[in-house]
Amino acid sequence: MKSFKQIFDQYNWDNTLFDILNKTEQDVKKALETRKRTIEDFKALISPVAKPYLEQMAQLSSEITKKRFGNTIQMYAPMYLSNECQNICTYCGFSMTNKIPRRTLSDEEILKEVDFLKSKGYDHILLVTGEANRTVGVDYINNAIKLISSKFANITIEVQPMDQMDYELLIDSGLYAVLVYQETYHKDEYKKHHPKGRKSNFDYRLDTPDRLGKAGIHKIGLGALFGLEDWRADSFFTALHLQYLQKTYWKTKYSISFPRLRPHSGGLEPKVEMTDSDLVQLICAFRLLDEDVELSMSTRESEVFRENIVNLGVTSISAESKTNPGGYLVEPQSLEQFEISDERSTEEVVTMLKSKGLEVVWKDWAHNWQ
């Protein structure tokens, strides 16, 4: 079985970006008028010339989302287990070079954090760690999943990439989904931002969704970190990756996230700015490309932006997020991975969503053994 890398290697970054930037108004109109859109249509929809059609794109995106998902939006919460990390990443507060107090939660502390999130109503949880095999490797993650599997309908992780057999072990323990962001699909720029640690291996990270698909994971989350390179090219490669995975591992569900570079300890300014308008355009373009893919929006974005985007294609949203280990109850003052922008409480976000005519979904699926 071939991997995505074999497809990826057939593309040139500069040529791809040139093609996107040179799409015509006629290309955009064709993409808007067709019912079954291709990856070439996606290029047109994220191109600069599509900007005047943003209102039309938003309307279509909203209609498609409501038809497929109804007037619902799913709530989830991230829970950071550790800020230990063996990687050097220029954009991350947990980077090994940052002289910060390191913290890894014990079983008792994990359960305290869980109790807080359960009291807020959450049934979908995202477990997050830095990438440190010795401290928070497979055994630690497996223990955490087993510890809380009876308390949540859905457990997702965002941790270091693993081997296929490791994912199979975690799936058996109750893992539902894995988020693995390539950060940037620009291979040379990737190396600049990940000079040391296991994460510096571009190809191993690129092949992670393939290992997940072979392991039989229920859902895979993809994305790029916007700000490291040109967002249009990174988005194209994300879409290309998505379509390959859907065809190859057709039993698996997929989601797309849209993280923009946020301030953190050690700070990195975005190389390429992605405006709010750009992000709206991209979210709508993904929805027009794929009616079934889940689109997720985190608290990285501002209150105003999130309020305006929830009716335009997004299907899941977080609230009251903490990006530091123990941030909810155990150790609220520990260093965050990055600064969040929407700091409203869960209750305030739920009220906002209901005012937009949306039904908040806390649980939409459960394992048979629960």
Protein backbone atom coordinates (compact mmCIF):
# COMPACT_ATOMS: atom_id res chain seq x y z
CA MET A 1 0.00 0.00 0.00
CA LYS A 2 1.41 3.39 -0.94
CA SER A 3 1.54 6.23 1.58
CA PHE A 4 0.64 9.89 1.25
CA LYS A 5 4.35 10.71 0.96
CA GLN A 6 4.43 9.16 -2.51
CA ILE A 7 1.68 11.53 -3.60
CA PHE A 8 3.15 14.49 -1.73
CA ASP A 9 6.53 14.03 -3.45
CA GLN A 10 4.87 14.54 -6.83
CA TYR A 11 4.07 18.16 -5.95
CA ASN A 12 6.27 21.24 -5.86
CA TRP A 13 5.45 23.90 -3.24
CA ASP A 14 6.31 26.93 -5.40
CA ASN A 15 4.44 25.63 -8.42
CA THR A 16 1.39 24.83 -6.29
CA LEU A 17 1.33 28.31 -4.78
CA PHE A 18 1.82 29.90 -8.21
CA ASP A 19 -1.15 27.92 -9.53
CA ILE A 20 -3.37 29.05 -6.63
CA LEU A 21 -2.38 32.69 -6.96
CA ASN A 22 -3.10 32.63 -10.68
CA LYS A 23 -6.61 31.21 -10.58
CA THR A 24 -9.09 33.32 -12.52
CA GLU A 25 -12.52 34.72 -11.76
CA GLN A 26 -13.92 32.15 -14.19
CA ASP A 27 -12.31 29.37 -12.14
CA VAL A 28 -14.03 30.69 -9.01
CA LYS A 29 -17.43 30.91 -10.71
CA LYS A 30 -17.07 27.35 -11.98
CA ALA A 31 -16.18 26.15 -8.46
CA LEU A 32 -19.22 27.87 -6.99
CA GLU A 33 -21.62 26.58 -9.60
CA THR A 34 -20.59 22.92 -9.61
CA ARG A 35 -22.11 20.41 -7.19
CA LYS A 36 -19.15 18.01 -6.83
CA ARG A 37 -16.03 20.09 -6.27
CA THR A 38 -12.49 18.91 -6.99
CA ILE A 39 -9.12 19.80 -5.50
CA GLU A 40 -8.68 22.23 -8.40
CA ASP A 41 -11.95 23.92 -7.41
CA PHE A 42 -10.58 24.17 -3.88
CA LYS A 43 -7.52 26.00 -5.23
CA ALA A 44 -9.83 28.52 -6.87
CA LEU A 45 -11.90 29.00 -3.70
CA ILE A 46 -8.81 29.82 -1.59
CA SER A 47 -7.26 32.06 -4.24
CA PRO A 48 -7.06 35.86 -3.89
CA VAL A 49 -9.52 36.32 -6.77
CA ALA A 50 -12.21 34.48 -4.78
CA LYS A 51 -12.29 37.19 -2.09
CA PRO A 52 -15.14 39.22 -3.71
CA TYR A 53 -17.24 36.03 -3.63
CA LEU A 54 -16.81 35.50 0.11
CA GLU A 55 -20.44 36.32 0.95
CA GLN A 56 -21.68 33.78 -1.59
CA MET A 57 -19.21 31.20 -0.30
CA ALA A 58 -20.37 31.79 3.28
CA GLN A 59 -24.02 31.38 2.34
CA LEU A 60 -23.36 28.13 0.50
CA SER A 61 -21.18 26.86 3.33
CA SER A 62 -23.90 27.59 5.87
CA GLU A 63 -26.55 25.84 3.77
CA ILE A 64 -24.42 22.74 3.24
CA THR A 65 -23.49 22.50 6.91
CA LYS A 66 -27.10 22.79 8.08
CA LYS A 67 -28.19 20.18 5.55
CA ARG A 68 -25.54 17.70 6.71
CA PHE A 69 -25.22 18.47 10.45
CA GLY A 70 -28.43 20.31 11.26
CA ASN A 71 -28.45 23.27 13.66
CA THR A 72 -26.02 21.56 16.03
CA ILE A 73 -22.53 22.17 17.31
CA GLN A 74 -20.44 19.84 19.40
CA MET A 75 -18.60 20.97 22.55
CA TYR A 76 -15.21 19.61 23.59
CA ALA A 77 -12.52 20.58 26.08
CA PRO A 78 -8.74 20.17 25.96
CA MET A 79 -6.95 18.87 29.04
CA TYR A 80 -3.19 19.33 29.19
CA LEU A 81 -1.45 16.49 31.02
CA SER A 82 2.18 17.64 30.72
CA ASN A 83 4.42 20.40 29.37
CA GLU A 84 7.49 18.14 29.23
CA CYS A 85 9.01 18.20 25.74
CA GLN A 86 12.17 16.91 24.06
CA ASN A 87 11.67 18.92 20.87
CA ILE A 88 12.83 22.38 19.87
CA CYS A 89 9.94 24.16 18.13
CA THR A 90 10.29 27.86 17.43
CA TYR A 91 6.59 28.63 17.91
CA CYS A 92 5.77 26.67 21.08
CA GLY A 93 5.91 27.68 24.74
CA PHE A 94 6.76 24.08 25.70
CA SER A 95 9.89 23.99 23.50
CA MET A 96 12.87 22.31 25.20
CA THR A 97 14.91 25.51 24.97
CA ASN A 98 12.41 27.52 27.02
CA LYS A 99 13.50 27.63 30.66
CA ILE A 100 10.13 26.98 32.28
CA PRO A 101 8.95 24.84 35.21
CA ARG A 102 7.97 21.45 33.85
CA ARG A 103 4.89 19.66 35.13
CA THR A 104 3.29 16.25 34.51
CA LEU A 105 0.00 15.38 36.17
CA SER A 106 -0.38 12.38 38.46
CA ASP A 107 -3.41 10.09 38.35
CA GLU A 108 -4.98 11.97 41.26
CA GLU A 109 -4.42 15.32 39.55
CA ILE A 110 -5.84 14.03 36.26
CA LEU A 111 -9.02 12.97 38.05
CA LYS A 112 -9.34 16.40 39.70
CA GLU A 113 -9.16 18.08 36.30
CA VAL A 114 -11.65 15.57 34.92
CA ASP A 115 -14.10 16.28 37.74
CA PHE A 116 -14.03 19.98 36.86
CA LEU A 117 -14.71 19.34 33.16
CA LYS A 118 -17.49 16.87 33.93
CA SER A 119 -19.11 19.46 36.20
CA LYS A 120 -19.25 21.75 33.17
CA GLY A 121 -21.01 19.11 31.08
CA TYR A 122 -18.18 17.95 28.81
CA ASP A 123 -18.33 14.42 27.42
CA HIS A 124 -15.72 14.87 24.67
CA ILE A 125 -12.18 15.45 25.91
CA LEU A 126 -8.90 16.17 24.13
CA LEU A 127 -5.78 15.03 26.03
CA VAL A 128 -2.67 17.07 25.19
CA THR A 129 1.00 16.69 26.13
CA GLY A 130 4.36 17.88 24.96
CA GLU A 131 6.45 15.36 23.05
CA ALA A 132 8.60 13.56 25.63
CA ASN A 133 8.76 9.79 25.20
CA ARG A 134 10.44 9.07 28.52
CA THR A 135 8.02 11.11 30.63
CA VAL A 136 4.75 11.04 28.72
CA GLY A 137 5.24 8.16 26.31
CA VAL A 138 2.83 5.42 25.28
CA ASP A 139 2.59 3.93 28.78
CA TYR A 140 1.64 7.26 30.36
CA ILE A 141 -0.95 8.05 27.68
CA ASN A 142 -2.38 4.53 27.87
CA ASN A 143 -2.73 4.81 31.63
CA ALA A 144 -4.47 8.19 31.33
CA ILE A 145 -6.96 6.85 28.77
CA LYS A 146 -7.78 3.83 30.94
CA LEU A 147 -8.11 6.09 33.98
CA ILE A 148 -10.81 8.28 32.42
CA SER A 149 -12.39 6.06 29.74
CA SER A 150 -15.49 5.38 31.84
CA LYS A 151 -16.10 9.11 32.31
CA PHE A 152 -16.19 10.29 28.67
CA ALA A 153 -18.03 9.22 25.55
CA ASN A 154 -15.14 10.34 23.37
CA ILE A 155 -11.39 10.57 24.10
CA THR A 156 -9.07 12.28 21.62
CA ILE A 157 -5.32 12.83 21.96
CA GLU A 158 -2.88 15.38 20.60
CA VAL A 159 0.53 14.03 21.57
CA GLN A 160 3.74 12.87 19.86
CA PRO A 161 3.33 10.72 16.73
CA MET A 162 3.55 7.01 17.48
CA ASP A 163 4.04 3.69 15.71
CA GLN A 164 1.05 1.71 14.43
CA MET A 165 1.18 -0.89 17.22
CA ASP A 166 1.17 1.89 19.83
CA TYR A 167 -2.02 3.32 18.34
CA GLU A 168 -3.58 -0.16 18.30
CA LEU A 169 -2.85 -0.47 22.03
CA LEU A 170 -4.44 2.91 22.79
CA ILE A 171 -7.49 2.14 20.66
CA ASP A 172 -8.02 -1.03 22.68
CA SER A 173 -7.91 1.11 25.85
CA GLY A 174 -10.63 3.47 24.63
CA LEU A 175 -9.00 5.99 22.28
CA TYR A 176 -11.43 7.41 19.73
CA ALA A 177 -9.50 10.03 17.73
CA VAL A 178 -6.04 11.50 17.17
CA LEU A 179 -5.17 15.04 16.10
CA VAL A 180 -1.85 15.28 14.29
CA TYR A 181 -0.97 18.56 12.62
CA GLN A 182 1.83 18.68 10.08
CA GLU A 183 2.40 22.32 11.21
CA THR A 184 3.62 23.17 7.69
CA TYR A 185 3.88 21.06 4.54
CA HIS A 186 6.83 23.20 3.37
CA LYS A 187 9.67 20.77 3.99
CA ASP A 188 12.49 23.32 4.19
CA GLU A 189 10.57 25.68 6.45
CA TYR A 190 9.51 22.73 8.60
CA LYS A 191 13.18 21.97 9.30
CA LYS A 192 13.82 25.57 10.34
CA HIS A 193 11.05 25.44 12.94
CA HIS A 194 11.90 21.94 14.22
CA PRO A 195 15.72 21.80 14.40
CA LYS A 196 15.98 19.16 17.16
CA GLY A 197 14.00 16.26 18.58
CA ARG A 198 11.93 13.50 17.05
CA LYS A 199 9.59 16.07 15.58
CA SER A 200 12.38 17.21 13.26
CA ASN A 201 11.69 14.10 11.15
CA PHE A 202 9.31 15.55 8.56
CA ASP A 203 8.56 12.25 6.83
CA TYR A 204 7.74 10.35 10.04
CA ARG A 205 5.22 13.02 10.98
CA LEU A 206 3.80 13.11 7.45
CA ASP A 207 3.20 9.34 7.58
CA THR A 208 1.45 9.44 10.97
CA PRO A 209 -2.12 9.55 9.57
CA ASP A 210 -1.27 6.51 7.46
CA ARG A 211 -0.21 4.60 10.58
CA LEU A 212 -3.41 5.72 12.28
CA GLY A 213 -5.53 4.55 9.36
CA LYS A 214 -3.84 1.16 9.35
CA ALA A 215 -4.38 0.90 13.11
CA GLY A 216 -8.12 1.36 12.59
CA ILE A 217 -8.63 4.65 14.44
CA HIS A 218 -12.19 6.02 14.43
CA LYS A 219 -11.23 9.61 13.56
CA ILE A 220 -8.15 11.53 12.38
CA GLY A 221 -7.76 15.29 12.76
CA LEU A 222 -5.56 17.23 10.31
CA GLY A 223 -4.37 20.82 10.10
CA ALA A 224 -1.52 23.25 9.56
CA LEU A 225 -0.30 26.01 11.87
CA PHE A 226 -1.06 29.17 9.93
CA GLY A 227 1.70 31.74 10.14
CA LEU A 228 4.70 29.49 9.55
CA GLU A 229 4.30 29.59 5.76
CA ASP A 230 1.82 30.72 3.12
CA TRP A 231 -1.61 29.60 4.34
CA ARG A 232 -2.97 28.94 0.88
CA ALA A 233 -0.33 26.36 -0.06
CA ASP A 234 -0.46 24.72 3.37
CA SER A 235 -4.24 24.48 3.09
CA PHE A 236 -4.01 22.89 -0.34
CA PHE A 237 -1.69 20.18 0.97
CA THR A 238 -3.98 19.64 3.95
CA ALA A 239 -6.90 19.14 1.56
CA LEU A 240 -4.81 16.84 -0.65
CA HIS A 241 -3.86 14.83 2.45
CA LEU A 242 -7.51 14.65 3.53
CA GLN A 243 -8.72 13.34 0.18
CA TYR A 244 -5.99 10.70 0.04
CA LEU A 245 -6.87 9.47 3.54
CA GLN A 246 -10.61 9.39 2.83
CA LYS A 247 -10.03 7.23 -0.24
CA THR A 248 -7.49 4.95 1.45
CA TYR A 249 -9.03 4.57 4.92
CA TRP A 250 -12.67 5.03 4.05
CA LYS A 251 -14.03 3.66 7.34
CA THR A 252 -12.36 6.48 9.30
CA LYS A 253 -13.92 9.89 10.01
CA TYR A 254 -11.95 13.11 9.57
CA SER A 255 -11.77 16.61 11.00
CA ILE A 256 -9.91 19.78 10.09
CA SER A 257 -8.68 22.41 12.56
CA PHE A 258 -7.54 25.94 11.78
CA PRO A 259 -4.93 27.06 14.35
CA ARG A 260 -3.31 30.43 13.77
CA LEU A 261 0.02 31.25 15.41
CA ARG A 262 -0.64 32.71 18.88
CA PRO A 263 1.67 34.50 21.36
CA HIS A 264 3.66 32.32 23.77
CA SER A 265 6.72 32.37 25.99
CA GLY A 266 9.70 32.84 23.67
CA GLY A 267 7.49 34.37 20.92
CA LEU A 268 7.57 33.93 17.16
CA GLU A 269 6.00 36.45 14.83
CA PRO A 270 4.03 34.98 11.90
CA LYS A 271 6.02 34.83 8.67
CA VAL A 272 2.82 35.18 6.65
CA GLU A 273 -0.22 36.92 8.08
CA MET A 274 -3.58 35.21 7.83
CA THR A 275 -6.39 37.74 8.29
CA ASP A 276 -9.82 37.02 9.74
CA SER A 277 -11.25 37.32 6.24
CA ASP A 278 -8.69 34.80 4.97
CA LEU A 279 -9.68 32.32 7.68
CA VAL A 280 -13.39 32.68 6.90
CA GLN A 281 -12.61 32.09 3.24
CA LEU A 282 -10.66 28.94 4.08
CA ILE A 283 -13.31 27.47 6.37
CA CYS A 284 -15.97 28.01 3.72
CA ALA A 285 -13.71 26.54 1.03
CA PHE A 286 -13.24 23.35 3.06
CA ARG A 287 -16.97 23.03 3.57
CA LEU A 288 -17.64 23.53 -0.15
CA LEU A 289 -15.02 20.89 -0.93
CA ASP A 290 -16.30 18.34 1.58
CA GLU A 291 -19.82 18.19 3.02
CA ASP A 292 -18.97 15.49 5.58
CA VAL A 293 -15.68 16.58 7.14
CA GLU A 294 -15.89 17.99 10.68
CA LEU A 295 -14.52 21.53 11.07
CA SER A 296 -13.27 22.57 14.49
CA MET A 297 -12.66 26.00 16.06
CA SER A 298 -10.64 26.46 19.25
CA THR A 299 -10.33 29.30 21.75
CA ARG A 300 -7.24 30.55 19.90
CA GLU A 301 -9.69 32.82 18.09
CA SER A 302 -11.44 35.89 19.52
CA GLU A 303 -14.99 36.07 20.88
CA VAL A 304 -16.18 38.15 17.94
CA PHE A 305 -14.64 35.89 15.32
CA ARG A 306 -16.03 32.72 16.88
CA GLU A 307 -19.49 34.21 17.15
CA ASN A 308 -19.44 35.07 13.46
CA ILE A 309 -18.08 31.73 12.25
CA VAL A 310 -20.26 29.24 14.15
CA ASN A 311 -23.06 29.42 11.57
CA LEU A 312 -20.79 29.27 8.53
CA GLY A 313 -19.43 25.71 8.56
CA VAL A 314 -17.89 24.89 11.95
CA THR A 315 -19.21 21.73 13.63
CA SER A 316 -17.27 21.61 16.91
CA ILE A 317 -15.99 24.23 19.33
CA SER A 318 -14.09 24.38 22.62
CA ALA A 319 -14.68 26.74 25.52
CA GLU A 320 -13.00 27.86 28.75
CA SER A 321 -9.82 26.13 27.56
CA LYS A 322 -6.60 25.99 29.55
CA THR A 323 -3.35 25.25 27.72
CA ASN A 324 -1.27 24.43 30.77
CA PRO A 325 -1.07 21.15 32.74
CA GLY A 326 -3.46 21.33 35.66
CA GLY A 327 -4.84 24.62 34.37
CA TYR A 328 -8.43 24.05 35.47
CA LEU A 329 -7.94 23.23 39.16
CA VAL A 330 -4.57 21.68 40.05
CA GLU A 331 -2.14 24.45 39.07
CA PRO A 332 -3.89 27.33 37.28
CA GLN A 333 -0.76 29.53 37.24
CA SER A 334 1.54 27.11 35.37
CA LEU A 335 2.88 28.28 32.01
CA GLU A 336 0.52 28.05 29.03
CA GLN A 337 1.54 26.54 25.72
CA PHE A 338 0.05 29.59 24.03
CA GLU A 339 -2.35 32.37 24.96
CA ILE A 340 -6.02 31.77 24.27
CA SER A 341 -8.14 34.61 22.91
CA ASP A 342 -11.71 33.69 23.87
CA GLU A 343 -11.66 33.49 27.67
CA ARG A 344 -15.40 33.20 28.28
CA SER A 345 -16.78 30.49 30.55
CA THR A 346 -18.42 27.37 29.18
CA GLU A 347 -21.80 28.71 30.24
CA GLU A 348 -21.26 31.99 28.41
CA VAL A 349 -20.25 30.21 25.19
CA VAL A 350 -23.26 27.88 25.42
CA THR A 351 -25.54 30.90 25.84
CA MET A 352 -23.96 32.51 22.79
CA LEU A 353 -24.40 29.37 20.68
CA LYS A 354 -28.06 29.07 21.66
CA SER A 355 -28.61 32.72 20.77
CA LYS A 356 -27.32 31.84 17.29
CA GLY A 357 -30.01 29.18 16.96
CA LEU A 358 -27.64 26.28 17.57
CA GLU A 359 -28.30 23.20 19.67
CA VAL A 360 -25.29 22.31 21.82
CA VAL A 361 -24.30 18.64 21.63
CA TRP A 362 -22.29 17.22 24.53
CA LYS A 363 -22.40 13.56 23.52
CA ASP A 364 -23.10 12.15 20.08
CA TRP A 365 -21.46 8.75 20.16
CA ALA A 366 -20.35 6.19 22.74
CA HIS A 367 -18.22 3.06 22.69
CA ASN A 368 -20.14 -0.19 22.99
CA TRP A 369 -18.34 -1.06 26.20
CA GLN A 370 -19.49 2.07 28.01
